């Protein structure tokens, strides 16, 4: 539908070419290994503006992921349009199968990482 704000969840697929220590807001310095990362988020205010924020790159970091994206490459975005938040459940399933960065991207929920 034209004019309708499309809400939903997304996964950012990111590649960090070199191992490095990155200051991530209130989390402080985090050691990131070189490799691939997947970040799960939601955009209940609209997918398009949130994803453009990541594609363009923020002038000043706002979310944890913004700090990583300053030095890593955003390679792909997977979206899922929905009216309810599914990011925590998606992140939980991914954490059961993959390594994760404790506390990253989940300061507003009870889960271990996003």
Protein backbone atom coordinates (compact mmCIF):
# COMPACT_ATOMS: atom_id res chain seq x y z
CA UNK A 1 0.00 0.00 0.00
CA UNK A 2 1.34 3.35 -0.97
CA UNK A 3 1.74 5.80 1.91
CA UNK A 4 1.60 3.07 4.57
CA UNK A 5 4.53 2.97 6.97
CA UNK A 6 6.06 -0.47 6.79
CA UNK A 7 7.09 -1.65 10.23
CA UNK A 8 9.08 -4.69 11.10
CA UNK A 9 12.33 -6.33 12.06
CA UNK A 10 15.62 -6.52 10.24
CA UNK A 11 18.99 -8.24 10.29
CA UNK A 12 22.08 -6.30 9.23
CA UNK A 13 24.78 -8.52 7.74
CA UNK A 14 28.16 -6.93 8.46
CA UNK A 15 31.77 -7.77 7.69
CA UNK A 16 34.63 -6.54 9.85
CA UNK A 17 37.84 -7.06 7.86
CA UNK A 18 40.30 -6.62 10.76
CA UNK A 19 40.27 -7.56 14.44
CA UNK A 20 39.98 -4.40 16.51
CA UNK A 21 38.95 -2.85 19.77
CA UNK A 22 35.99 -0.48 19.40
CA UNK A 23 34.55 1.91 21.99
CA UNK A 24 30.81 1.21 22.00
CA UNK A 25 28.99 3.94 23.93
CA UNK A 26 28.26 2.99 27.53
CA UNK A 27 29.54 -0.56 26.99
CA UNK A 28 33.11 0.72 26.70
CA UNK A 29 35.86 -0.99 24.71
CA UNK A 30 34.88 -4.27 23.05
CA UNK A 31 37.28 -6.53 21.20
CA UNK A 32 35.76 -7.58 17.87
CA UNK A 33 37.33 -10.38 15.90
CA UNK A 34 37.59 -10.03 12.14
CA UNK A 35 34.67 -11.76 10.44
CA UNK A 36 30.96 -11.70 9.81
CA UNK A 37 28.33 -10.31 12.19
CA UNK A 38 24.54 -10.27 12.12
CA UNK A 39 22.71 -7.58 14.08
CA UNK A 40 18.99 -7.95 14.81
CA UNK A 41 16.80 -4.88 15.26
CA UNK A 42 13.28 -3.58 14.92
CA UNK A 43 11.83 -0.53 13.24
CA UNK A 44 8.33 -0.04 14.53
CA UNK A 45 8.47 3.59 13.42
CA UNK A 46 9.21 2.47 9.88
CA UNK A 47 11.77 0.25 8.17
CA UNK A 48 12.77 2.73 5.47
CA UNK A 49 14.02 5.56 7.74
CA UNK A 50 15.81 3.16 10.10
CA UNK A 51 17.58 1.31 7.30
CA UNK A 52 18.54 4.56 5.57
CA UNK A 53 20.15 5.59 8.86
CA UNK A 54 22.44 2.56 8.60
CA UNK A 55 23.06 2.83 4.86
CA UNK A 56 24.02 6.52 5.02
CA UNK A 57 25.92 6.17 8.26
CA UNK A 58 25.15 8.47 11.16
CA UNK A 59 27.25 11.57 11.76
CA UNK A 60 27.10 10.84 15.48
CA UNK A 61 26.57 7.28 16.80
CA UNK A 62 23.24 6.70 18.54
CA UNK A 63 22.87 2.91 18.87
CA UNK A 64 25.53 0.30 19.67
CA UNK A 65 25.51 -0.89 16.08
CA UNK A 66 26.42 2.60 14.83
CA UNK A 67 29.84 2.27 16.47
CA UNK A 68 30.55 -1.02 14.71
CA UNK A 69 29.32 0.32 11.37
CA UNK A 70 31.86 3.16 11.56
CA UNK A 71 34.64 0.61 10.90
CA UNK A 72 32.82 -2.38 9.37
CA UNK A 73 31.08 -2.93 6.03
CA UNK A 74 27.30 -3.29 5.82
CA UNK A 75 26.94 -6.07 3.25
CA UNK A 76 23.24 -6.98 3.27
CA UNK A 77 19.94 -6.31 5.00
CA UNK A 78 17.21 -8.88 5.58
CA UNK A 79 13.78 -7.47 6.47
CA UNK A 80 10.59 -8.94 7.84
CA UNK A 81 7.52 -6.72 7.78
CA UNK A 82 5.30 -7.20 10.82
CA UNK A 83 3.28 -5.26 13.36
CA UNK A 84 4.87 -6.81 16.46
CA UNK A 85 8.45 -6.80 17.69
CA UNK A 86 10.22 -10.04 16.84
CA UNK A 87 13.81 -8.88 17.26
CA UNK A 88 14.35 -10.45 20.70
CA UNK A 89 13.02 -13.86 19.68
CA UNK A 90 15.05 -13.76 16.48
CA UNK A 91 18.20 -12.79 18.38
CA UNK A 92 17.58 -15.54 20.93
CA UNK A 93 17.34 -18.19 18.20
CA UNK A 94 20.51 -16.89 16.54
CA UNK A 95 22.39 -16.88 19.87
CA UNK A 96 21.56 -20.55 20.36
CA UNK A 97 23.48 -21.34 17.15
CA UNK A 98 26.14 -18.63 16.86
CA UNK A 99 28.69 -16.75 18.94
CA UNK A 100 27.54 -13.35 20.19
CA UNK A 101 28.85 -10.16 21.79
CA UNK A 102 27.40 -9.97 25.33
CA UNK A 103 25.32 -6.83 25.99
CA UNK A 104 25.59 -5.55 22.43
CA UNK A 105 22.45 -3.87 21.10
CA UNK A 106 20.12 -5.08 23.84
CA UNK A 107 20.22 -2.42 26.56
CA UNK A 108 16.43 -2.07 26.32
CA UNK A 109 15.56 -5.74 26.85
CA UNK A 110 16.38 -8.75 29.03
CA UNK A 111 18.23 -10.78 26.40
CA UNK A 112 22.01 -11.21 26.20
CA UNK A 113 22.72 -9.69 22.80
CA UNK A 114 21.26 -8.57 19.51
